[in-house]
N, C-alpha and C. Protein backbone atom coordinates (compact mmCIF):
# COMPACT_ATOMS: atom_id res chain seq x y z
N UNK A 1 79.45 262.82 173.12
CA UNK A 1 78.22 262.25 172.57
C UNK A 1 78.47 261.57 171.22
N UNK A 2 79.23 262.26 170.39
CA UNK A 2 79.54 261.71 169.07
C UNK A 2 80.30 260.39 169.21
N UNK A 3 81.22 260.36 170.18
CA UNK A 3 82.02 259.14 170.41
C UNK A 3 81.13 258.00 170.89
N UNK A 4 80.19 258.33 171.74
CA UNK A 4 79.26 257.31 172.26
C UNK A 4 78.41 256.75 171.12
N UNK A 5 77.96 257.65 170.23
CA UNK A 5 77.14 257.21 169.10
C UNK A 5 77.92 256.28 168.19
N UNK A 6 79.20 256.63 167.97
CA UNK A 6 80.03 255.78 167.12
C UNK A 6 80.21 254.40 167.74
N UNK A 7 80.40 254.37 169.07
CA UNK A 7 80.58 253.09 169.75
C UNK A 7 79.30 252.25 169.66
N UNK A 8 78.13 252.93 169.85
CA UNK A 8 76.85 252.21 169.77
C UNK A 8 76.64 251.64 168.37
N UNK A 9 76.95 252.46 167.34
CA UNK A 9 76.81 252.00 165.95
C UNK A 9 77.72 250.83 165.67
N UNK A 10 78.94 250.91 166.20
CA UNK A 10 79.89 249.81 166.01
C UNK A 10 79.39 248.54 166.67
N UNK A 11 78.79 248.69 167.86
CA UNK A 11 78.25 247.54 168.58
C UNK A 11 77.13 246.88 167.80
N UNK A 12 76.22 247.72 167.24
CA UNK A 12 75.12 247.17 166.43
C UNK A 12 75.64 246.47 165.19
N UNK A 13 76.68 247.03 164.60
CA UNK A 13 77.26 246.42 163.40
C UNK A 13 77.80 245.03 163.72
N UNK A 14 78.48 244.92 164.87
CA UNK A 14 79.02 243.62 165.27
C UNK A 14 77.91 242.63 165.56
N UNK A 15 76.84 243.14 166.19
CA UNK A 15 75.71 242.26 166.50
C UNK A 15 75.07 241.72 165.22
N UNK A 16 74.86 242.62 164.27
CA UNK A 16 74.27 242.21 162.99
C UNK A 16 75.18 241.21 162.28
N UNK A 17 76.47 241.47 162.32
CA UNK A 17 77.42 240.54 161.69
C UNK A 17 77.37 239.18 162.37
N UNK A 18 77.22 239.22 163.72
CA UNK A 18 77.13 237.97 164.46
C UNK A 18 75.91 237.17 164.06
N UNK A 19 74.74 237.86 163.95
CA UNK A 19 73.53 237.16 163.52
C UNK A 19 73.68 236.58 162.13
N UNK A 20 74.33 237.31 161.25
CA UNK A 20 74.54 236.81 159.89
C UNK A 20 75.40 235.54 159.90
N UNK A 21 76.43 235.53 160.74
CA UNK A 21 77.30 234.36 160.83
C UNK A 21 76.52 233.16 161.37
N UNK A 22 75.66 233.42 162.37
CA UNK A 22 74.84 232.34 162.92
C UNK A 22 73.91 231.79 161.85
N UNK A 23 73.28 232.68 161.09
CA UNK A 23 72.38 232.23 160.03
C UNK A 23 73.12 231.40 158.99
N UNK A 24 74.33 231.85 158.64
CA UNK A 24 75.13 231.08 157.69
C UNK A 24 75.45 229.71 158.25
N UNK A 25 75.82 229.66 159.54
CA UNK A 25 76.14 228.37 160.17
C UNK A 25 74.95 227.44 160.18
N UNK A 26 73.77 227.97 160.54
CA UNK A 26 72.56 227.14 160.54
C UNK A 26 72.24 226.65 159.14
N UNK A 27 72.39 227.52 158.14
CA UNK A 27 72.11 227.15 156.77
C UNK A 27 73.04 226.03 156.31
N UNK A 28 74.33 226.15 156.65
CA UNK A 28 75.29 225.10 156.29
C UNK A 28 74.91 223.78 156.94
N UNK A 29 74.50 223.83 158.21
CA UNK A 29 74.11 222.62 158.92
C UNK A 29 72.90 221.97 158.27
N UNK A 30 71.91 222.80 157.89
CA UNK A 30 70.70 222.26 157.26
C UNK A 30 71.01 221.65 155.91
N UNK A 31 71.84 222.33 155.13
CA UNK A 31 72.22 221.80 153.82
C UNK A 31 72.95 220.48 153.98
N UNK A 32 73.84 220.41 154.97
CA UNK A 32 74.57 219.17 155.22
C UNK A 32 73.62 218.05 155.61
N UNK A 33 72.64 218.38 156.44
CA UNK A 33 71.69 217.36 156.88
C UNK A 33 70.86 216.85 155.72
N UNK A 34 70.44 217.78 154.84
CA UNK A 34 69.61 217.38 153.70
C UNK A 34 70.41 216.56 152.70
N UNK A 35 71.68 216.95 152.50
CA UNK A 35 72.49 216.28 151.49
C UNK A 35 73.07 214.97 151.97
N UNK A 36 73.09 214.73 153.31
CA UNK A 36 73.63 213.47 153.82
C UNK A 36 72.74 212.32 153.40
N UNK A 37 73.36 211.17 153.07
CA UNK A 37 72.60 210.01 152.65
C UNK A 37 71.74 209.51 153.80
N UNK A 38 70.45 209.25 153.57
CA UNK A 38 69.58 208.74 154.64
C UNK A 38 69.98 207.32 155.01
N UNK A 39 69.65 206.92 156.24
CA UNK A 39 69.92 205.55 156.66
C UNK A 39 69.06 204.58 155.87
N UNK A 40 69.67 203.46 155.50
CA UNK A 40 68.89 202.39 154.87
C UNK A 40 68.11 201.65 155.96
N UNK A 41 67.14 200.86 155.54
CA UNK A 41 66.36 200.08 156.51
C UNK A 41 67.27 199.11 157.26
N UNK A 42 68.29 198.58 156.60
CA UNK A 42 69.20 197.66 157.27
C UNK A 42 70.04 198.39 158.33
N UNK A 43 70.46 199.61 158.01
CA UNK A 43 71.23 200.38 158.99
C UNK A 43 70.39 200.72 160.22
N UNK A 44 69.11 200.96 160.02
CA UNK A 44 68.22 201.19 161.16
C UNK A 44 68.11 199.92 161.99
N UNK A 45 67.92 198.77 161.33
CA UNK A 45 67.76 197.51 162.05
C UNK A 45 69.01 197.14 162.84
N UNK A 46 70.19 197.35 162.24
CA UNK A 46 71.41 196.99 162.96
C UNK A 46 71.59 197.86 164.20
N UNK A 47 71.21 199.11 164.12
CA UNK A 47 71.34 199.99 165.28
C UNK A 47 70.32 199.63 166.36
N UNK A 48 69.15 199.21 165.95
CA UNK A 48 68.16 198.75 166.93
C UNK A 48 68.69 197.52 167.67
N UNK A 49 69.30 196.60 166.91
CA UNK A 49 69.91 195.43 167.54
C UNK A 49 70.97 195.86 168.54
N UNK A 50 71.83 196.78 168.11
CA UNK A 50 72.95 197.19 168.96
C UNK A 50 72.48 197.80 170.27
N UNK A 51 71.45 198.64 170.23
CA UNK A 51 71.07 199.37 171.44
C UNK A 51 69.93 198.72 172.22
N UNK A 52 69.35 197.62 171.70
CA UNK A 52 68.24 197.01 172.43
C UNK A 52 68.44 195.53 172.74
N UNK A 53 69.38 194.87 172.05
CA UNK A 53 69.53 193.43 172.24
C UNK A 53 70.92 193.00 172.69
N UNK A 54 71.90 193.86 172.59
CA UNK A 54 73.28 193.49 172.93
C UNK A 54 73.42 193.17 174.42
N UNK A 55 74.40 192.33 174.72
CA UNK A 55 74.88 192.25 176.09
C UNK A 55 75.72 193.50 176.35
N UNK A 56 75.55 194.14 177.49
CA UNK A 56 76.29 195.39 177.75
C UNK A 56 77.80 195.25 177.57
N UNK A 57 78.38 194.14 178.04
CA UNK A 57 79.83 194.00 177.95
C UNK A 57 80.29 193.83 176.50
N UNK A 58 79.42 193.24 175.65
CA UNK A 58 79.80 193.07 174.25
C UNK A 58 79.63 194.37 173.46
N UNK A 59 78.57 195.11 173.76
CA UNK A 59 78.43 196.42 173.13
C UNK A 59 79.58 197.33 173.55
N UNK A 60 79.96 197.26 174.83
CA UNK A 60 81.09 198.06 175.31
C UNK A 60 82.37 197.68 174.57
N UNK A 61 82.59 196.38 174.38
CA UNK A 61 83.79 195.93 173.66
C UNK A 61 83.79 196.47 172.24
N UNK A 62 82.62 196.46 171.60
CA UNK A 62 82.54 196.91 170.21
C UNK A 62 82.79 198.40 170.08
N UNK A 63 82.14 199.20 170.92
CA UNK A 63 82.25 200.65 170.74
C UNK A 63 83.50 201.24 171.35
N UNK A 64 84.17 200.49 172.22
CA UNK A 64 85.39 201.02 172.84
C UNK A 64 86.66 200.54 172.14
N UNK A 65 86.59 199.42 171.44
CA UNK A 65 87.82 198.82 170.89
C UNK A 65 87.84 198.71 169.38
N UNK A 66 86.71 198.83 168.73
CA UNK A 66 86.65 198.59 167.28
C UNK A 66 87.38 199.66 166.48
N UNK A 67 87.97 199.23 165.38
CA UNK A 67 88.44 200.17 164.37
C UNK A 67 87.20 200.84 163.77
N UNK A 68 87.17 202.17 163.67
CA UNK A 68 85.95 202.85 163.18
C UNK A 68 85.46 202.36 161.83
N UNK A 69 86.38 202.06 160.91
CA UNK A 69 85.96 201.59 159.59
C UNK A 69 85.29 200.23 159.68
N UNK A 70 85.79 199.36 160.56
CA UNK A 70 85.19 198.04 160.71
C UNK A 70 83.85 198.13 161.44
N UNK A 71 83.75 199.03 162.41
CA UNK A 71 82.47 199.22 163.08
C UNK A 71 81.42 199.71 162.09
N UNK A 72 81.82 200.58 161.18
CA UNK A 72 80.88 201.05 160.16
C UNK A 72 80.43 199.92 159.26
N UNK A 73 81.35 199.03 158.89
CA UNK A 73 80.95 197.86 158.09
C UNK A 73 79.90 197.05 158.83
N UNK A 74 80.14 196.83 160.13
CA UNK A 74 79.20 196.03 160.92
C UNK A 74 77.83 196.68 160.99
N UNK A 75 77.78 197.99 161.15
CA UNK A 75 76.51 198.69 161.32
C UNK A 75 75.84 199.01 159.99
N UNK A 76 76.58 198.87 158.90
CA UNK A 76 76.01 199.17 157.58
C UNK A 76 75.55 197.91 156.86
N UNK A 77 76.39 196.88 156.89
CA UNK A 77 76.16 195.73 156.02
C UNK A 77 75.68 194.46 156.72
N UNK A 78 75.84 194.37 158.03
CA UNK A 78 75.55 193.11 158.72
C UNK A 78 74.10 192.69 158.57
N UNK A 79 73.89 191.37 158.47
CA UNK A 79 72.56 190.82 158.63
C UNK A 79 72.18 191.04 160.10
N UNK A 80 71.06 191.70 160.38
CA UNK A 80 70.71 191.99 161.78
C UNK A 80 70.69 190.75 162.67
N UNK A 81 70.24 189.62 162.15
CA UNK A 81 70.21 188.40 162.96
C UNK A 81 71.63 187.94 163.32
N UNK A 82 72.56 188.08 162.37
CA UNK A 82 73.94 187.68 162.64
C UNK A 82 74.62 188.69 163.56
N UNK A 83 74.29 189.96 163.40
CA UNK A 83 74.84 190.96 164.32
C UNK A 83 74.36 190.68 165.74
N UNK A 84 73.12 190.24 165.87
CA UNK A 84 72.61 189.89 167.20
C UNK A 84 73.40 188.73 167.80
N UNK A 85 73.73 187.73 166.97
CA UNK A 85 74.57 186.63 167.45
C UNK A 85 75.89 187.18 167.97
N UNK A 86 76.51 188.06 167.18
CA UNK A 86 77.81 188.61 167.57
C UNK A 86 77.73 189.42 168.87
N UNK A 87 76.64 190.14 169.06
CA UNK A 87 76.54 191.04 170.21
C UNK A 87 75.85 190.41 171.43
N UNK A 88 75.47 189.15 171.31
CA UNK A 88 74.87 188.47 172.46
C UNK A 88 75.59 187.20 172.86
N UNK A 89 76.33 186.58 171.92
CA UNK A 89 76.91 185.27 172.22
C UNK A 89 78.43 185.23 172.13
N UNK A 90 79.05 186.23 171.53
CA UNK A 90 80.50 186.21 171.33
C UNK A 90 81.26 186.31 172.63
N UNK A 91 82.50 185.83 172.60
CA UNK A 91 83.47 186.17 173.63
C UNK A 91 83.89 187.61 173.40
N UNK A 92 83.94 188.41 174.46
CA UNK A 92 84.31 189.82 174.30
C UNK A 92 85.69 189.96 173.66
N UNK A 93 86.62 189.10 174.05
CA UNK A 93 87.97 189.17 173.50
C UNK A 93 87.98 188.86 172.00
N UNK A 94 87.21 187.83 171.61
CA UNK A 94 87.17 187.47 170.19
C UNK A 94 86.42 188.50 169.37
N UNK A 95 85.41 189.14 169.95
CA UNK A 95 84.72 190.21 169.25
C UNK A 95 85.68 191.36 168.98
N UNK A 96 86.52 191.67 169.96
CA UNK A 96 87.52 192.72 169.76
C UNK A 96 88.48 192.35 168.63
N UNK A 97 88.88 191.07 168.58
CA UNK A 97 89.77 190.61 167.51
C UNK A 97 89.12 190.83 166.15
N UNK A 98 87.84 190.49 166.05
CA UNK A 98 87.13 190.60 164.77
C UNK A 98 86.97 192.04 164.30
N UNK A 99 87.05 192.98 165.25
CA UNK A 99 86.84 194.39 164.92
C UNK A 99 88.12 195.21 164.99
N UNK A 100 89.26 194.53 165.02
CA UNK A 100 90.55 195.22 165.17
C UNK A 100 91.16 195.56 163.82
N UNK A 101 91.83 196.69 163.77
CA UNK A 101 92.52 197.10 162.54
C UNK A 101 93.41 195.98 162.02
N UNK A 102 93.38 195.76 160.72
CA UNK A 102 94.11 194.67 160.10
C UNK A 102 93.18 193.65 159.51
N UNK A 103 92.00 193.49 160.11
CA UNK A 103 90.97 192.62 159.54
C UNK A 103 90.49 193.24 158.23
N UNK A 104 90.33 192.41 157.21
CA UNK A 104 89.84 192.91 155.93
C UNK A 104 88.36 193.27 156.08
N UNK A 105 87.97 194.51 155.73
CA UNK A 105 86.55 194.87 155.81
C UNK A 105 85.66 193.91 155.03
N UNK A 106 86.14 193.46 153.87
CA UNK A 106 85.34 192.53 153.05
C UNK A 106 85.10 191.23 153.80
N UNK A 107 86.12 190.76 154.53
CA UNK A 107 85.97 189.51 155.26
C UNK A 107 85.04 189.66 156.46
N UNK A 108 85.09 190.81 157.13
CA UNK A 108 84.15 191.06 158.21
C UNK A 108 82.73 191.09 157.67
N UNK A 109 82.55 191.73 156.53
CA UNK A 109 81.23 191.78 155.90
C UNK A 109 80.73 190.38 155.59
N UNK A 110 81.60 189.52 155.06
CA UNK A 110 81.20 188.15 154.77
C UNK A 110 80.81 187.42 156.04
N UNK A 111 81.60 187.58 157.09
CA UNK A 111 81.29 186.91 158.36
C UNK A 111 79.93 187.32 158.90
N UNK A 112 79.54 188.57 158.67
CA UNK A 112 78.29 189.07 159.22
C UNK A 112 77.13 189.02 158.24
N UNK A 113 77.36 188.44 157.07
CA UNK A 113 76.26 188.31 156.10
C UNK A 113 76.11 186.89 155.56
N UNK A 114 77.23 186.16 155.43
CA UNK A 114 77.18 184.86 154.78
C UNK A 114 77.22 183.68 155.74
N UNK A 115 77.55 183.92 156.99
CA UNK A 115 77.64 182.82 157.96
C UNK A 115 76.27 182.21 158.25
N UNK A 116 76.29 180.98 158.72
CA UNK A 116 75.15 180.46 159.45
C UNK A 116 75.29 180.92 160.90
N UNK A 117 74.20 180.95 161.62
CA UNK A 117 74.29 181.43 163.00
C UNK A 117 75.20 180.54 163.84
N UNK A 118 75.16 179.22 163.61
CA UNK A 118 75.99 178.33 164.43
C UNK A 118 77.46 178.45 164.10
N UNK A 119 77.80 178.68 162.83
CA UNK A 119 79.22 178.81 162.49
C UNK A 119 79.78 180.15 162.99
N UNK A 120 78.96 181.21 162.93
CA UNK A 120 79.43 182.50 163.45
C UNK A 120 79.63 182.41 164.96
N UNK A 121 78.68 181.79 165.65
CA UNK A 121 78.83 181.63 167.09
C UNK A 121 80.08 180.81 167.43
N UNK A 122 80.32 179.75 166.66
CA UNK A 122 81.52 178.94 166.88
C UNK A 122 82.78 179.78 166.72
N UNK A 123 82.85 180.54 165.64
CA UNK A 123 84.03 181.36 165.38
C UNK A 123 84.27 182.39 166.47
N UNK A 124 83.19 182.95 167.03
CA UNK A 124 83.32 184.03 168.00
C UNK A 124 83.31 183.56 169.45
N UNK A 125 83.25 182.25 169.66
CA UNK A 125 83.29 181.75 171.04
C UNK A 125 84.40 180.73 171.26
N UNK A 126 84.78 179.99 170.23
CA UNK A 126 85.70 178.88 170.44
C UNK A 126 87.09 179.07 169.82
N UNK A 127 87.23 180.03 168.93
CA UNK A 127 88.50 180.20 168.23
C UNK A 127 89.63 180.61 169.16
N UNK A 128 90.85 180.24 168.79
CA UNK A 128 92.02 180.89 169.38
C UNK A 128 92.14 182.26 168.72
N UNK A 129 92.42 183.30 169.50
CA UNK A 129 92.44 184.64 168.93
C UNK A 129 93.36 184.79 167.72
N UNK A 130 94.54 184.17 167.76
CA UNK A 130 95.47 184.33 166.63
C UNK A 130 94.94 183.64 165.37
N UNK A 131 94.19 182.56 165.55
CA UNK A 131 93.66 181.86 164.38
C UNK A 131 92.45 182.59 163.80
N UNK A 132 91.62 183.18 164.66
CA UNK A 132 90.52 184.00 164.14
C UNK A 132 91.08 185.19 163.37
N UNK A 133 92.11 185.81 163.92
CA UNK A 133 92.74 186.93 163.21
C UNK A 133 93.32 186.48 161.87
N UNK A 134 93.98 185.33 161.86
CA UNK A 134 94.54 184.79 160.62
C UNK A 134 93.47 184.63 159.56
N UNK A 135 92.34 184.05 159.95
CA UNK A 135 91.25 183.83 159.00
C UNK A 135 90.70 185.14 158.46
N UNK A 136 90.47 186.11 159.34
CA UNK A 136 89.85 187.37 158.92
C UNK A 136 90.82 188.28 158.17
N UNK A 137 92.10 188.11 158.41
CA UNK A 137 93.08 188.96 157.72
C UNK A 137 93.55 188.36 156.40
N UNK A 138 93.64 187.03 156.33
CA UNK A 138 94.33 186.41 155.20
C UNK A 138 93.45 185.64 154.23
N UNK A 139 92.24 185.27 154.63
CA UNK A 139 91.42 184.42 153.77
C UNK A 139 90.99 185.14 152.50
N UNK A 140 90.91 184.37 151.41
CA UNK A 140 90.23 184.87 150.22
C UNK A 140 88.74 184.92 150.52
N UNK A 141 88.09 185.95 150.03
CA UNK A 141 86.70 186.20 150.40
C UNK A 141 85.79 185.02 150.08
N UNK A 142 85.94 184.44 148.88
CA UNK A 142 85.05 183.35 148.50
C UNK A 142 85.27 182.11 149.36
N UNK A 143 86.51 181.90 149.81
CA UNK A 143 86.79 180.72 150.63
C UNK A 143 86.32 180.93 152.06
N UNK A 144 86.42 182.14 152.58
CA UNK A 144 85.86 182.40 153.90
C UNK A 144 84.35 182.20 153.87
N UNK A 145 83.71 182.65 152.80
CA UNK A 145 82.27 182.46 152.67
C UNK A 145 81.92 180.98 152.63
N UNK A 146 82.70 180.20 151.89
CA UNK A 146 82.47 178.75 151.83
C UNK A 146 82.58 178.14 153.22
N UNK A 147 83.62 178.51 153.95
CA UNK A 147 83.83 177.95 155.28
C UNK A 147 82.66 178.28 156.21
N UNK A 148 82.18 179.51 156.17
CA UNK A 148 81.16 179.93 157.12
C UNK A 148 79.76 179.51 156.70
N UNK A 149 79.58 179.22 155.41
CA UNK A 149 78.28 178.75 154.93
C UNK A 149 78.15 177.24 155.01
N UNK A 150 79.25 176.52 154.72
CA UNK A 150 79.15 175.08 154.49
C UNK A 150 79.71 174.22 155.63
N UNK A 151 80.59 174.76 156.45
CA UNK A 151 81.32 173.94 157.42
C UNK A 151 80.41 173.33 158.47
N UNK A 152 80.76 172.12 158.89
CA UNK A 152 80.20 171.56 160.10
C UNK A 152 80.79 172.35 161.27
N UNK A 153 79.95 172.79 162.20
CA UNK A 153 80.42 173.68 163.27
C UNK A 153 81.51 173.04 164.11
N UNK A 154 81.39 171.75 164.37
CA UNK A 154 82.41 171.08 165.20
C UNK A 154 83.75 171.01 164.48
N UNK A 155 83.72 170.75 163.17
CA UNK A 155 84.97 170.70 162.40
C UNK A 155 85.56 172.10 162.27
N UNK A 156 84.71 173.11 162.11
CA UNK A 156 85.19 174.48 162.06
C UNK A 156 85.91 174.83 163.37
N UNK A 157 85.35 174.37 164.48
CA UNK A 157 85.99 174.63 165.78
C UNK A 157 87.38 174.01 165.85
N UNK A 158 87.53 172.81 165.29
CA UNK A 158 88.86 172.18 165.25
C UNK A 158 89.82 173.03 164.43
N UNK A 159 89.36 173.48 163.27
CA UNK A 159 90.22 174.29 162.39
C UNK A 159 90.66 175.58 163.06
N UNK A 160 89.78 176.17 163.87
CA UNK A 160 90.07 177.46 164.49
C UNK A 160 90.71 177.35 165.87
N UNK A 161 91.00 176.13 166.29
CA UNK A 161 91.70 175.95 167.57
C UNK A 161 92.99 175.14 167.44
N UNK A 162 93.07 174.27 166.43
CA UNK A 162 94.20 173.35 166.34
C UNK A 162 95.15 173.63 165.17
N UNK A 163 94.78 174.50 164.27
CA UNK A 163 95.60 174.73 163.07
C UNK A 163 96.89 175.48 163.39
N UNK A 164 97.90 175.23 162.56
CA UNK A 164 99.04 176.14 162.51
C UNK A 164 98.63 177.35 161.68
N UNK A 165 98.92 178.56 162.13
CA UNK A 165 98.46 179.74 161.39
C UNK A 165 98.88 179.75 159.92
N UNK A 166 100.11 179.32 159.63
CA UNK A 166 100.56 179.34 158.24
C UNK A 166 99.78 178.34 157.38
N UNK A 167 99.42 177.21 157.97
CA UNK A 167 98.69 176.21 157.20
C UNK A 167 97.21 176.59 157.07
N UNK A 168 96.67 177.26 158.07
CA UNK A 168 95.31 177.77 157.93
C UNK A 168 95.25 178.80 156.80
N UNK A 169 96.28 179.62 156.72
CA UNK A 169 96.35 180.59 155.63
C UNK A 169 96.39 179.90 154.27
N UNK A 170 97.19 178.85 154.16
CA UNK A 170 97.25 178.09 152.90
C UNK A 170 95.86 177.56 152.53
N UNK A 171 95.19 176.97 153.50
CA UNK A 171 93.87 176.39 153.23
C UNK A 171 92.87 177.44 152.77
N UNK A 172 92.96 178.64 153.36
CA UNK A 172 91.98 179.68 153.06
C UNK A 172 92.39 180.58 151.89
N UNK A 173 93.53 180.27 151.30
CA UNK A 173 93.95 181.02 150.11
C UNK A 173 94.07 180.14 148.87
N UNK A 174 94.46 178.88 149.05
CA UNK A 174 94.79 178.05 147.90
C UNK A 174 93.76 176.99 147.56
N UNK A 175 92.86 176.67 148.48
CA UNK A 175 91.91 175.58 148.25
C UNK A 175 90.91 175.97 147.16
N UNK A 176 90.34 174.95 146.52
CA UNK A 176 89.15 175.18 145.72
C UNK A 176 87.95 175.19 146.68
N UNK A 177 86.88 175.80 146.28
CA UNK A 177 85.71 175.85 147.15
C UNK A 177 85.19 174.44 147.46
N UNK A 178 85.16 173.57 146.44
CA UNK A 178 84.68 172.21 146.65
C UNK A 178 85.56 171.46 147.65
N UNK A 179 86.87 171.60 147.51
CA UNK A 179 87.77 170.86 148.40
C UNK A 179 87.75 171.42 149.81
N UNK A 180 87.56 172.71 149.94
CA UNK A 180 87.45 173.28 151.29
C UNK A 180 86.18 172.77 151.96
N UNK A 181 85.10 172.68 151.20
CA UNK A 181 83.87 172.13 151.77
C UNK A 181 84.07 170.68 152.21
N UNK A 182 84.78 169.90 151.40
CA UNK A 182 85.07 168.51 151.78
C UNK A 182 85.86 168.47 153.09
N UNK A 183 86.85 169.34 153.21
CA UNK A 183 87.69 169.35 154.40
C UNK A 183 86.93 169.75 155.66
N UNK A 184 85.86 170.50 155.49
CA UNK A 184 85.14 171.04 156.65
C UNK A 184 83.80 170.38 156.91
N UNK A 185 83.54 169.26 156.25
CA UNK A 185 82.28 168.56 156.46
C UNK A 185 82.54 167.08 156.68
N UNK A 186 81.70 166.40 157.45
CA UNK A 186 81.90 164.97 157.71
C UNK A 186 81.56 164.14 156.50
N UNK A 187 82.17 162.96 156.43
CA UNK A 187 81.98 162.08 155.27
C UNK A 187 80.54 161.67 155.10
N UNK A 188 79.77 161.58 156.17
CA UNK A 188 78.40 161.10 156.07
C UNK A 188 77.40 162.12 155.59
N UNK A 189 77.84 163.35 155.34
CA UNK A 189 76.88 164.38 154.93
C UNK A 189 76.25 164.05 153.59
N UNK A 190 76.96 163.40 152.70
CA UNK A 190 76.40 163.05 151.40
C UNK A 190 77.44 162.34 150.57
N UNK A 191 77.02 161.42 149.74
CA UNK A 191 77.94 160.69 148.87
C UNK A 191 77.65 161.05 147.43
N UNK A 192 78.72 161.32 146.70
CA UNK A 192 78.54 161.71 145.31
C UNK A 192 78.40 160.46 144.44
N UNK A 193 77.40 160.47 143.61
CA UNK A 193 77.18 159.39 142.66
C UNK A 193 77.28 159.96 141.26
N UNK A 194 78.11 159.37 140.42
CA UNK A 194 78.35 159.90 139.09
C UNK A 194 77.03 160.10 138.35
N UNK A 195 76.81 161.32 137.89
CA UNK A 195 75.61 161.61 137.12
C UNK A 195 74.40 161.97 137.96
N UNK A 196 74.47 161.77 139.29
CA UNK A 196 73.30 162.00 140.12
C UNK A 196 73.56 162.98 141.26
N UNK A 197 74.73 163.60 141.32
CA UNK A 197 75.02 164.52 142.41
C UNK A 197 75.14 163.78 143.72
N UNK A 198 74.60 164.36 144.78
CA UNK A 198 74.72 163.74 146.10
C UNK A 198 73.48 162.92 146.42
N UNK A 199 73.71 161.67 146.82
CA UNK A 199 72.64 160.79 147.23
C UNK A 199 72.72 160.63 148.74
N UNK A 200 71.80 161.24 149.45
CA UNK A 200 71.87 161.20 150.90
C UNK A 200 71.42 159.86 151.46
N UNK A 201 70.54 159.18 150.75
CA UNK A 201 70.02 157.92 151.25
C UNK A 201 70.25 156.84 150.21
N UNK A 202 71.25 155.99 150.38
CA UNK A 202 71.52 154.95 149.40
C UNK A 202 70.35 153.99 149.31
N UNK A 203 70.16 153.47 148.10
CA UNK A 203 69.07 152.54 147.89
C UNK A 203 69.44 151.20 148.51
N UNK A 204 68.71 150.79 149.52
CA UNK A 204 69.07 149.59 150.27
C UNK A 204 68.54 148.32 149.62
N UNK A 205 67.28 148.36 149.15
CA UNK A 205 66.69 147.14 148.61
C UNK A 205 65.93 147.48 147.34
N UNK A 206 65.99 146.65 146.31
CA UNK A 206 65.35 146.98 145.04
C UNK A 206 63.86 147.25 145.16
N UNK A 207 63.17 146.51 146.05
CA UNK A 207 61.72 146.66 146.08
C UNK A 207 61.29 148.04 146.57
N UNK A 208 62.21 148.81 147.17
CA UNK A 208 61.85 150.15 147.62
C UNK A 208 61.63 151.10 146.44
N UNK A 209 62.05 150.66 145.25
CA UNK A 209 61.90 151.51 144.07
C UNK A 209 60.64 151.18 143.28
N UNK A 210 59.84 150.21 143.74
CA UNK A 210 58.64 149.85 143.00
C UNK A 210 57.64 150.99 143.00
N UNK A 211 56.87 151.09 141.94
CA UNK A 211 55.76 152.00 141.91
C UNK A 211 54.58 151.36 142.63
N UNK A 212 53.81 152.08 143.40
CA UNK A 212 52.66 151.51 144.08
C UNK A 212 51.68 150.89 143.09
N UNK A 213 51.20 149.72 143.40
CA UNK A 213 50.25 149.05 142.56
C UNK A 213 50.86 148.11 141.56
N UNK A 214 52.18 148.16 141.43
CA UNK A 214 52.87 147.25 140.52
C UNK A 214 53.63 146.23 141.33
N UNK A 215 53.31 144.97 141.23
CA UNK A 215 54.01 143.95 142.03
C UNK A 215 55.45 143.83 141.63
N UNK A 216 56.25 143.45 142.57
CA UNK A 216 57.67 143.26 142.31
C UNK A 216 57.91 141.77 142.05
N UNK A 217 58.50 141.47 140.94
CA UNK A 217 58.80 140.10 140.59
C UNK A 217 60.28 139.89 140.68
N UNK A 218 60.66 139.08 141.63
CA UNK A 218 62.10 138.84 141.82
C UNK A 218 62.54 137.66 141.04
């Protein structure tokens, strides 16, 4: 009887210890949940885009092939509209390239925040994979931003399909922002006039400058 009582007491002791461990575990979990940083409104929006607007094959490419750190950049910092472009219009292969280890996180962030929608779509649909990788791995951040903000989409497509990788690297590391913009935009976009910046519409005839109500005397 005494032995049975000792065994029962030992069993209760273990049970109580077990409950205490469970309580400690739950407490740790709750503390962790409270102390974790809450999602920002942008992080909520990017996740809504990912799970409600993506093409299935592109979401699959992102979550199965992405470097975790780069995926976090995309889900934390991306402009939701640009993330939607990436997850609905990209080539799956090029999306994988953009999310592969070796890409600079800062450059991925720029691509998903500073691009125009047409330039991002061009980069993610028309690029040669090695040239897209070259741009995302080697470009200086400010020059990549210039290219994706200012470039004519058709000229950007030429740069990302016809360049030698070493020369593309030179352009994206050594150029001035102004000269890179010149290289990536057509001559007709605007003409610089000393003292007046860009004049999009040259003055064709003097009488077009008259003030209404004042006759022009030639």
